[in-house]
């Protein structure tokens, strides 16, 4: 009927109404805003964002229309990973200011459970573990935070952030699963952690805009009950206002296993730098609710990790910047992994495995990652400049000015003195800490979560050469023997080494000894595996020990106490050695090496260097070129492991806040071969050219 009546209306009437409509439109057009684009590949210059507005909501961060909305305004995340536990607290602000000068508006950080609960029930939230102070600092600097509380974090961090004491629980836990025993411990940990961070959620006036559930779970398992448990647990502590998210590799298989369908959890992706991002972002949309999938690469790799014995990983500046441009040019979001890597201080470096569990690859101490902000905070480099140019093109506001690099200082040669053999200090260990067992026990089982454990047994000598077999040792064992009846044999003799990759057999030399021979096996934990199917990575001797095919029984396990990043043992061998300033002539004679055995027995070496003026305190690097393998401590701070004979890292970074005006003390435990000159150098630069490895530029 409406069509017929319309045909009977006069032409003048029609023209009249058209004219009235046109006048009305022109009168009101200036106050009407265009409708926002619903295309997932929308492209709009950030300097013309007038249509990216919604109803203003105070302190809100939301996802809608495949976009992020901050306080009702369209928002794009240009972020970067920066881990508070890899940076001295005195440098947190310095590194955050540099990240902001790069153009970042968001920082993403993991929270490692093992840093905050190194022993069951022993909580640490001070010093480098002061997460609350770090969040307050981000808020002060107007930087948003994406928090990744685990419980598993990966991150090239020891055991992926899990405390190693989880490995000692019997029956064994099933990590990263819905195993009730494991979940009870997670419930307890998050019950401590999440209430601490809840006041810092964006809706509560803080900087945290998103909280991650697990980490790349799709690359590990498909236990949806586990993920749902974590979501429920997080909601219980943090409420419904915070965005929960997952991160998974940008393949259908990973996303199928690692995400939670629906709008309860936002699914993000990561992928190899240089891959075309937009097909992956299109795939990402399939795993989010309609309108709830802003394109976000939550790990945009600016570089890569490096294992001992590899070439130092580097990526080209222009290549990396070009890959970021492909995301930002179409209004995608990205988080640079890493914007600043920092350092694996202490014993907290992680490790990976290759084709099987024995193909073990520990990470170097430096976590420089070839990031735009270097390990020591330098920004005067091609990658920082190239990325900043790209980010500036896609940022409406002017970027902050770039700070100058911090000063570096080389304090020159440091003459060392051998102050003790490791075996000479064993008498100082509390007998109550020594564990006895018929068979060797794992390091975790005797409460040694990192560092070294000494296994001691004995056997009856025979005329023929004996063969020692240790089928499974994690990670590296140095074997020594001692005949107590021989004159001048108070110290064990080095026989050889066994590790996860090498032959497990070792010939023990013939020995005419009137007594039983003591067998010493010093095992180093080189870092728990942090990624892949073999993360249940116990350390120590994990099998029976065979001598000429017969199981050797009767073992003592002696923990070697060193302080880690967040723990100081009751007896600290490093401290004792460092303060052994006055050594008698007879002691010096005893410390001299036997002929032909100069590089075989682990020993402590101590040196002192002086900083005359307080204004001369700057970052420095300790060069271990010409030395073998060990750990180093400066002014009672464990700066990490060195291994220049294997490479590629030659120099360890020493941040200025560790140093002091006047005397500074360096103590090292050299496991293999000290420099014959007993000299170490403090220099003003990093070096990754040691061993057979060399630095090389590659494109992931």
Foldseek 3Di string as FASTA:
>chain_A
DVVVVVVPDDPVVVVVVVVVVVVVCVVCVVVDADADDLDLLAFDFPQPQVNQFDPFDPLAWAFFSLFIAGRRGTDFFAAFEDELLQDWPVCLLVQVLQRLLLPGQEYEYEQQQCLQPLDVPRGDCDTSNVVLVSQVSCQVVNHAYEYEHAPAQLLLWFLSRDHLLLLQDPPRDDPPAVGVVNVVVVLVSCVVVLLSCLCQDSSNVHRYQEYEYHAQCLQAFQHVVSSVSSLVSNCVRNNQRHAYEYEHALDPSSLNRTADAEASHQYAYAYAQPPQQPVSLVVSCVRYDRRRRHHEHAELEQWAFDFFQAFDTAADQLSSLVSVLSQPSSPGHYYYHHQAFHFQFFQTGAWAADPDPLRITTTDGARQRNHCQGNQRANPDSNSVSNSVSSCSRDNDDGDHRDHRFAFDWQWKWFKDFQWFPVVCLVVADPVLKDKFFFDDFCSNSPNRFFKKKKKDWDAADQDKKKKFQPDAAAKKWKWKFAPQDPPGPDTATQGMDGSHDHRMGIDDHDDHPDIMMMMIMWHHNGQHSDDDPSSGIHGRPDFMDMNRHGHTMMMMGDQFDAGQNDHDPDHPQVVSQPPPDDDPVRSVSPDDDPPRQFATKTKMKTKGADADPVPQAKWKKFQPQAAWWWKDKLSTTQGIDGLQRFQWGITIDGSVSDDHTMMMMMITGRGGHRPSSMMIIHGDTGGHGHPYHHDYDRD
